Amino acid sequence: MIAPPGELDEEVVRRMITEHGVTAVFLTTGLFRMLAQESPECFAGIREVWTGGDSVRRRDCAGFSRRAPGAGR
């Protein structure tokens, strides 16, 4: 699935994950950081996240890890 045209914010990501049963996503590192810090609940149900474009800091993953504890295992 590809995100719809337009701005991609936490509400769009959350809706897509929920409505389509998404379990894996590819996000730019910047978008992942924003979502993990501001709206980690949008990752509920996600098992895998791939990022690209920059390195991900450990602290950026903390919120994601709490909301998607089975990811990456």
PDB file of N, CA and C in Angstrom:
ATOM      1  N   MET A   1       0.835  -1.153   0.000  1.00  0.00           N
ATOM      2  CA  MET A   1       0.000   0.000   0.000  1.00  0.00           C
ATOM      3  C   MET A   1       0.889   1.227   0.000  1.00  0.00           C
ATOM      4  N   ILE A   2       0.477   2.238  -0.719  1.00  0.00           N
ATOM      5  CA  ILE A   2       1.199   3.505  -0.792  1.00  0.00           C
ATOM      6  C   ILE A   2       0.328   4.576  -0.162  1.00  0.00           C
ATOM      7  N   ALA A   3       0.947   5.466   0.587  1.00  0.00           N
ATOM      8  CA  ALA A   3       0.210   6.548   1.241  1.00  0.00           C
ATOM      9  C   ALA A   3      -0.488   7.416   0.194  1.00  0.00           C
ATOM     10  N   PRO A   4      -1.638   7.960   0.544  1.00  0.00           N
ATOM     11  CA  PRO A   4      -2.360   8.828  -0.390  1.00  0.00           C
ATOM     12  C   PRO A   4      -1.599  10.134  -0.618  1.00  0.00           C
ATOM     13  N   PRO A   5      -1.903  10.822  -1.725  1.00  0.00           N
ATOM     14  CA  PRO A   5      -1.239  12.099  -1.970  1.00  0.00           C
ATOM     15  C   PRO A   5      -1.610  13.119  -0.891  1.00  0.00           C
ATOM     16  N   GLY A   6      -0.753  14.088  -0.701  1.00  0.00           N
ATOM     17  CA  GLY A   6      -1.010  15.124   0.292  1.00  0.00           C
ATOM     18  C   GLY A   6      -0.115  14.954   1.495  1.00  0.00           C
ATOM     19  N   GLU A   7      -0.396  15.738   2.520  1.00  0.00           N
ATOM     20  CA  GLU A   7       0.411  15.689   3.735  1.00  0.00           C
ATOM     21  C   GLU A   7       0.192  14.384   4.480  1.00  0.00           C
ATOM     22  N   LEU A   8       1.281  13.856   4.994  1.00  0.00           N
ATOM     23  CA  LEU A   8       1.238  12.611   5.748  1.00  0.00           C
ATOM     24  C   LEU A   8       1.519  12.939   7.206  1.00  0.00           C
ATOM     25  N   ASP A   9       0.500  12.837   8.040  1.00  0.00           N
ATOM     26  CA  ASP A   9       0.669  13.117   9.457  1.00  0.00           C
ATOM     27  C   ASP A   9       0.249  11.897  10.264  1.00  0.00           C
ATOM     28  N   GLU A  10       0.320  12.024  11.590  1.00  0.00           N
ATOM     29  CA  GLU A  10       0.035  10.860  12.431  1.00  0.00           C
ATOM     30  C   GLU A  10      -1.378  10.328  12.256  1.00  0.00           C
ATOM     31  N   GLU A  11      -2.352  11.184  11.992  1.00  0.00           N
ATOM     32  CA  GLU A  11      -3.725  10.715  11.809  1.00  0.00           C
ATOM     33  C   GLU A  11      -3.862   9.873  10.542  1.00  0.00           C
ATOM     34  N   VAL A  12      -3.232  10.301   9.462  1.00  0.00           N
ATOM     35  CA  VAL A  12      -3.267   9.531   8.212  1.00  0.00           C
ATOM     36  C   VAL A  12      -2.581   8.187   8.416  1.00  0.00           C
ATOM     37  N   VAL A  13      -1.405   8.188   9.052  1.00  0.00           N
ATOM     38  CA  VAL A  13      -0.681   6.938   9.294  1.00  0.00           C
ATOM     39  C   VAL A  13      -1.513   6.007  10.163  1.00  0.00           C
ATOM     40  N   ARG A  14      -2.055   6.515  11.244  1.00  0.00           N
ATOM     41  CA  ARG A  14      -2.876   5.701  12.150  1.00  0.00           C
ATOM     42  C   ARG A  14      -4.086   5.107  11.415  1.00  0.00           C
ATOM     43  N   ARG A  15      -4.762   5.927  10.610  1.00  0.00           N
ATOM     44  CA  ARG A  15      -5.935   5.460   9.874  1.00  0.00           C
ATOM     45  C   ARG A  15      -5.566   4.366   8.870  1.00  0.00           C
ATOM     46  N   MET A  16      -4.463   4.564   8.160  1.00  0.00           N
ATOM     47  CA  MET A  16      -4.044   3.555   7.184  1.00  0.00           C
ATOM     48  C   MET A  16      -3.689   2.237   7.866  1.00  0.00           C
ATOM     49  N   ILE A  17      -2.965   2.312   8.984  1.00  0.00           N
ATOM     50  CA  ILE A  17      -2.584   1.105   9.711  1.00  0.00           C
ATOM     51  C   ILE A  17      -3.824   0.358  10.186  1.00  0.00           C
ATOM     52  N   THR A  18      -4.759   1.091  10.747  1.00  0.00           N
ATOM     53  CA  THR A  18      -5.972   0.481  11.295  1.00  0.00           C
ATOM     54  C   THR A  18      -6.886  -0.063  10.209  1.00  0.00           C
ATOM     55  N   GLU A  19      -7.194   0.752   9.223  1.00  0.00           N
ATOM     56  CA  GLU A  19      -8.154   0.362   8.179  1.00  0.00           C
ATOM     57  C   GLU A  19      -7.656  -0.767   7.292  1.00  0.00           C
ATOM     58  N   HIS A  20      -6.361  -0.834   7.083  1.00  0.00           N
ATOM     59  CA  HIS A  20      -5.814  -1.815   6.146  1.00  0.00           C
ATOM     60  C   HIS A  20      -5.049  -2.945   6.818  1.00  0.00           C
ATOM     61  N   GLY A  21      -5.021  -2.972   8.144  1.00  0.00           N
ATOM     62  CA  GLY A  21      -4.327  -4.040   8.856  1.00  0.00           C
ATOM     63  C   GLY A  21      -2.838  -4.076   8.569  1.00  0.00           C
ATOM     64  N   VAL A  22      -2.243  -2.912   8.391  1.00  0.00           N
ATOM     65  CA  VAL A  22      -0.823  -2.811   8.060  1.00  0.00           C
ATOM     66  C   VAL A  22       0.013  -3.338   9.226  1.00  0.00           C
ATOM     67  N   THR A  23       0.993  -4.166   8.925  1.00  0.00           N
ATOM     68  CA  THR A  23       1.887  -4.687   9.962  1.00  0.00           C
ATOM     69  C   THR A  23       3.338  -4.295   9.731  1.00  0.00           C
ATOM     70  N   ALA A  24       3.653  -3.708   8.566  1.00  0.00           N
ATOM     71  CA  ALA A  24       5.010  -3.277   8.257  1.00  0.00           C
ATOM     72  C   ALA A  24       4.940  -1.978   7.458  1.00  0.00           C
ATOM     73  N   VAL A  25       5.840  -1.038   7.770  1.00  0.00           N
ATOM     74  CA  VAL A  25       5.857   0.246   7.074  1.00  0.00           C
ATOM     75  C   VAL A  25       7.289   0.661   6.757  1.00  0.00           C
ATOM     76  N   PHE A  26       7.423   1.457   5.690  1.00  0.00           N
ATOM     77  CA  PHE A  26       8.681   2.120   5.377  1.00  0.00           C
ATOM     78  C   PHE A  26       8.424   3.608   5.497  1.00  0.00           C
ATOM     79  N   LEU A  27       9.177   4.275   6.368  1.00  0.00           N
ATOM     80  CA  LEU A  27       9.028   5.708   6.589  1.00  0.00           C
ATOM     81  C   LEU A  27      10.389   6.377   6.468  1.00  0.00           C
ATOM     82  N   THR A  28      10.382   7.630   6.044  1.00  0.00           N
ATOM     83  CA  THR A  28      11.636   8.377   6.128  1.00  0.00           C
ATOM     84  C   THR A  28      12.006   8.468   7.600  1.00  0.00           C
ATOM     85  N   THR A  29      13.276   8.632   7.874  1.00  0.00           N
ATOM     86  CA  THR A  29      13.713   8.720   9.263  1.00  0.00           C
ATOM     87  C   THR A  29      13.066   9.909   9.962  1.00  0.00           C
ATOM     88  N   GLY A  30      12.948  11.029   9.272  1.00  0.00           N
ATOM     89  CA  GLY A  30      12.327  12.205   9.866  1.00  0.00           C
ATOM     90  C   GLY A  30      10.879  11.967  10.257  1.00  0.00           C
ATOM     91  N   LEU A  31      10.113  11.303   9.403  1.00  0.00           N
ATOM     92  CA  LEU A  31       8.716  11.006   9.723  1.00  0.00           C
ATOM     93  C   LEU A  31       8.632  10.002  10.867  1.00  0.00           C
ATOM     94  N   PHE A  32       9.510   8.998  10.849  1.00  0.00           N
ATOM     95  CA  PHE A  32       9.519   8.040  11.958  1.00  0.00           C
ATOM     96  C   PHE A  32       9.798   8.748  13.282  1.00  0.00           C
ATOM     97  N   ARG A  33      10.809   9.622  13.300  1.00  0.00           N
ATOM     98  CA  ARG A  33      11.132  10.351  14.533  1.00  0.00           C
ATOM     99  C   ARG A  33       9.937  11.141  15.042  1.00  0.00           C
ATOM    100  N   MET A  34       9.289  11.882  14.142  1.00  0.00           N
ATOM    101  CA  MET A  34       8.153  12.696  14.541  1.00  0.00           C
ATOM    102  C   MET A  34       7.040  11.839  15.128  1.00  0.00           C
ATOM    103  N   LEU A  35       6.698  10.768  14.435  1.00  0.00           N
ATOM    104  CA  LEU A  35       5.615   9.909  14.906  1.00  0.00           C
ATOM    105  C   LEU A  35       5.984   9.200  16.202  1.00  0.00           C
ATOM    106  N   ALA A  36       7.212   8.713  16.305  1.00  0.00           N
ATOM    107  CA  ALA A  36       7.637   7.996  17.512  1.00  0.00           C
ATOM    108  C   ALA A  36       7.644   8.906  18.729  1.00  0.00           C
ATOM    109  N   GLN A  37       7.957  10.174  18.529  1.00  0.00           N
ATOM    110  CA  GLN A  37       8.014  11.108  19.648  1.00  0.00           C
ATOM    111  C   GLN A  37       6.649  11.717  19.971  1.00  0.00           C
ATOM    112  N   GLU A  38       5.878  12.055  18.951  1.00  0.00           N
ATOM    113  CA  GLU A  38       4.633  12.796  19.164  1.00  0.00           C
ATOM    114  C   GLU A  38       3.381  11.932  19.190  1.00  0.00           C
ATOM    115  N   SER A  39       3.424  10.784  18.548  1.00  0.00           N
ATOM    116  CA  SER A  39       2.219   9.968  18.443  1.00  0.00           C
ATOM    117  C   SER A  39       2.564   8.484  18.326  1.00  0.00           C
ATOM    118  N   PRO A  40       3.317   7.928  19.304  1.00  0.00           N
ATOM    119  CA  PRO A  40       3.741   6.528  19.186  1.00  0.00           C
ATOM    120  C   PRO A  40       2.574   5.550  19.132  1.00  0.00           C
ATOM    121  N   GLU A  41       1.399   5.952  19.601  1.00  0.00           N
ATOM    122  CA  GLU A  41       0.235   5.052  19.560  1.00  0.00           C
ATOM    123  C   GLU A  41      -0.178   4.709  18.133  1.00  0.00           C
ATOM    124  N   CYS A  42       0.244   5.502  17.154  1.00  0.00           N
ATOM    125  CA  CYS A  42      -0.124   5.183  15.769  1.00  0.00           C
ATOM    126  C   CYS A  42       0.570   3.909  15.296  1.00  0.00           C
ATOM    127  N   PHE A  43       1.593   3.435  16.035  1.00  0.00           N
ATOM    128  CA  PHE A  43       2.296   2.215  15.662  1.00  0.00           C
ATOM    129  C   PHE A  43       1.686   0.948  16.262  1.00  0.00           C
ATOM    130  N   ALA A  44       0.597   1.065  16.989  1.00  0.00           N
ATOM    131  CA  ALA A  44      -0.036  -0.131  17.562  1.00  0.00           C
ATOM    132  C   ALA A  44      -0.370  -1.104  16.428  1.00  0.00           C
ATOM    133  N   GLY A  45       0.046  -2.338  16.569  1.00  0.00           N
ATOM    134  CA  GLY A  45      -0.205  -3.356  15.549  1.00  0.00           C
ATOM    135  C   GLY A  45       0.926  -3.535  14.558  1.00  0.00           C
ATOM    136  N   ILE A  46       1.879  -2.627  14.544  1.00  0.00           N
ATOM    137  CA  ILE A  46       3.000  -2.725  13.606  1.00  0.00           C
ATOM    138  C   ILE A  46       4.036  -3.716  14.135  1.00  0.00           C
ATOM    139  N   ARG A  47       4.516  -4.581  13.239  1.00  0.00           N
ATOM    140  CA  ARG A  47       5.550  -5.545  13.625  1.00  0.00           C
ATOM    141  C   ARG A  47       6.926  -5.165  13.082  1.00  0.00           C
ATOM    142  N   GLU A  48       6.948  -4.420  11.965  1.00  0.00           N
ATOM    143  CA  GLU A  48       8.223  -4.030  11.364  1.00  0.00           C
ATOM    144  C   GLU A  48       8.144  -2.592  10.865  1.00  0.00           C
ATOM    145  N   VAL A  49       9.225  -1.846  11.109  1.00  0.00           N
ATOM    146  CA  VAL A  49       9.367  -0.496  10.559  1.00  0.00           C
ATOM    147  C   VAL A  49      10.732  -0.420   9.895  1.00  0.00           C
ATOM    148  N   TRP A  50      10.729   0.034   8.655  1.00  0.00           N
ATOM    149  CA  TRP A  50      11.972   0.299   7.945  1.00  0.00           C
ATOM    150  C   TRP A  50      12.074   1.799   7.776  1.00  0.00           C
ATOM    151  N   THR A  51      13.254   2.336   7.946  1.00  0.00           N
ATOM    152  CA  THR A  51      13.464   3.758   7.733  1.00  0.00           C
ATOM    153  C   THR A  51      14.631   3.947   6.789  1.00  0.00           C
ATOM    154  N   GLY A  52      14.720   5.135   6.233  1.00  0.00           N
ATOM    155  CA  GLY A  52      15.826   5.425   5.342  1.00  0.00           C
ATOM    156  C   GLY A  52      16.059   6.917   5.243  1.00  0.00           C
ATOM    157  N   GLY A  53      17.240   7.268   4.828  1.00  0.00           N
ATOM    158  CA  GLY A  53      17.574   8.661   4.617  1.00  0.00           C
ATOM    159  C   GLY A  53      18.465   9.236   5.701  1.00  0.00           C
ATOM    160  N   ASP A  54      18.491   8.631   6.860  1.00  0.00           N
ATOM    161  CA  ASP A  54      19.306   9.113   7.974  1.00  0.00           C
ATOM    162  C   ASP A  54      19.344   8.008   9.018  1.00  0.00           C
ATOM    163  N   SER A  55      20.247   8.130   9.974  1.00  0.00           N
ATOM    164  CA  SER A  55      20.300   7.122  11.033  1.00  0.00           C
ATOM    165  C   SER A  55      19.228   7.413  12.081  1.00  0.00           C
ATOM    166  N   VAL A  56      18.780   6.371  12.743  1.00  0.00           N
ATOM    167  CA  VAL A  56      17.761   6.482  13.783  1.00  0.00           C
ATOM    168  C   VAL A  56      18.461   6.397  15.131  1.00  0.00           C
ATOM    169  N   ARG A  57      18.167   7.357  15.988  1.00  0.00           N
ATOM    170  CA  ARG A  57      18.748   7.355  17.326  1.00  0.00           C
ATOM    171  C   ARG A  57      17.957   6.418  18.234  1.00  0.00           C
ATOM    172  N   ARG A  58      18.633   5.855  19.208  1.00  0.00           N
ATOM    173  CA  ARG A  58      18.000   4.926  20.153  1.00  0.00           C
ATOM    174  C   ARG A  58      16.788   5.569  20.819  1.00  0.00           C
ATOM    175  N   ARG A  59      16.906   6.819  21.221  1.00  0.00           N
ATOM    176  CA  ARG A  59      15.787   7.482  21.912  1.00  0.00           C
ATOM    177  C   ARG A  59      14.573   7.650  21.003  1.00  0.00           C
ATOM    178  N   ASP A  60      14.802   7.705  19.685  1.00  0.00           N
ATOM    179  CA  ASP A  60      13.673   7.801  18.758  1.00  0.00           C
ATOM    180  C   ASP A  60      12.844   6.525  18.753  1.00  0.00           C
ATOM    181  N   CYS A  61      13.461   5.434  19.142  1.00  0.00           N
ATOM    182  CA  CYS A  61      12.781   4.137  19.115  1.00  0.00           C
ATOM    183  C   CYS A  61      12.034   3.816  20.408  1.00  0.00           C
ATOM    184  N   ALA A  62      12.250   4.563  21.458  1.00  0.00           N
ATOM    185  CA  ALA A  62      11.660   4.237  22.758  1.00  0.00           C
ATOM    186  C   ALA A  62      10.138   4.183  22.716  1.00  0.00           C
ATOM    187  N   GLY A  63       9.491   5.208  22.186  1.00  0.00           N
ATOM    188  CA  GLY A  63       8.027   5.216  22.118  1.00  0.00           C
ATOM    189  C   GLY A  63       7.495   4.116  21.214  1.00  0.00           C
ATOM    190  N   PHE A  64       8.180   3.901  20.101  1.00  0.00           N
ATOM    191  CA  PHE A  64       7.774   2.834  19.192  1.00  0.00           C
ATOM    192  C   PHE A  64       7.847   1.482  19.893  1.00  0.00           C
ATOM    193  N   SER A  65       8.918   1.234  20.605  1.00  0.00           N
ATOM    194  CA  SER A  65       9.109  -0.053  21.284  1.00  0.00           C
ATOM    195  C   SER A  65       8.017  -0.327  22.308  1.00  0.00           C
ATOM    196  N   ARG A  66       7.553   0.722  22.989  1.00  0.00           N
ATOM    197  CA  ARG A  66       6.474   0.536  23.967  1.00  0.00           C
ATOM    198  C   ARG A  66       5.143   0.225  23.290  1.00  0.00           C
ATOM    199  N   ARG A  67       4.874   0.829  22.133  1.00  0.00           N
ATOM    200  CA  ARG A  67       3.596   0.647  21.441  1.00  0.00           C
ATOM    201  C   ARG A  67       3.590  -0.595  20.562  1.00  0.00           C
ATOM    202  N   ALA A  68       4.740  -1.059  20.124  1.00  0.00           N
ATOM    203  CA  ALA A  68       4.819  -2.234  19.247  1.00  0.00           C
ATOM    204  C   ALA A  68       5.894  -3.173  19.789  1.00  0.00           C
ATOM    205  N   PRO A  69       5.656  -3.753  20.971  1.00  0.00           N
ATOM    206  CA  PRO A  69       6.698  -4.538  21.633  1.00  0.00           C
ATOM    207  C   PRO A  69       7.146  -5.772  20.852  1.00  0.00           C
ATOM    208  N   GLY A  70       6.343  -6.286  19.939  1.00  0.00           N
ATOM    209  CA  GLY A  70       6.725  -7.470  19.179  1.00  0.00           C
ATOM    210  C   GLY A  70       7.513  -7.161  17.922  1.00  0.00           C
ATOM    211  N   ALA A  71       7.706  -5.902  17.607  1.00  0.00           N
ATOM    212  CA  ALA A  71       8.398  -5.538  16.382  1.00  0.00           C
ATOM    213  C   ALA A  71       9.860  -5.923  16.439  1.00  0.00           C
ATOM    214  N   GLY A  72      10.346  -6.413  15.341  1.00  0.00           N
ATOM    215  CA  GLY A  72      11.760  -6.740  15.226  1.00  0.00           C
ATOM    216  C   GLY A  72      12.194  -7.988  15.966  1.00  0.00           C
ATOM    217  N   ARG A  73      11.260  -8.755  16.432  1.00  0.00           N
ATOM    218  CA  ARG A  73      11.621  -9.979  17.169  1.00  0.00           C
ATOM    219  C   ARG A  73      11.152 -11.190  16.423  1.00  0.00           C
TER     220      ARG A  73
END
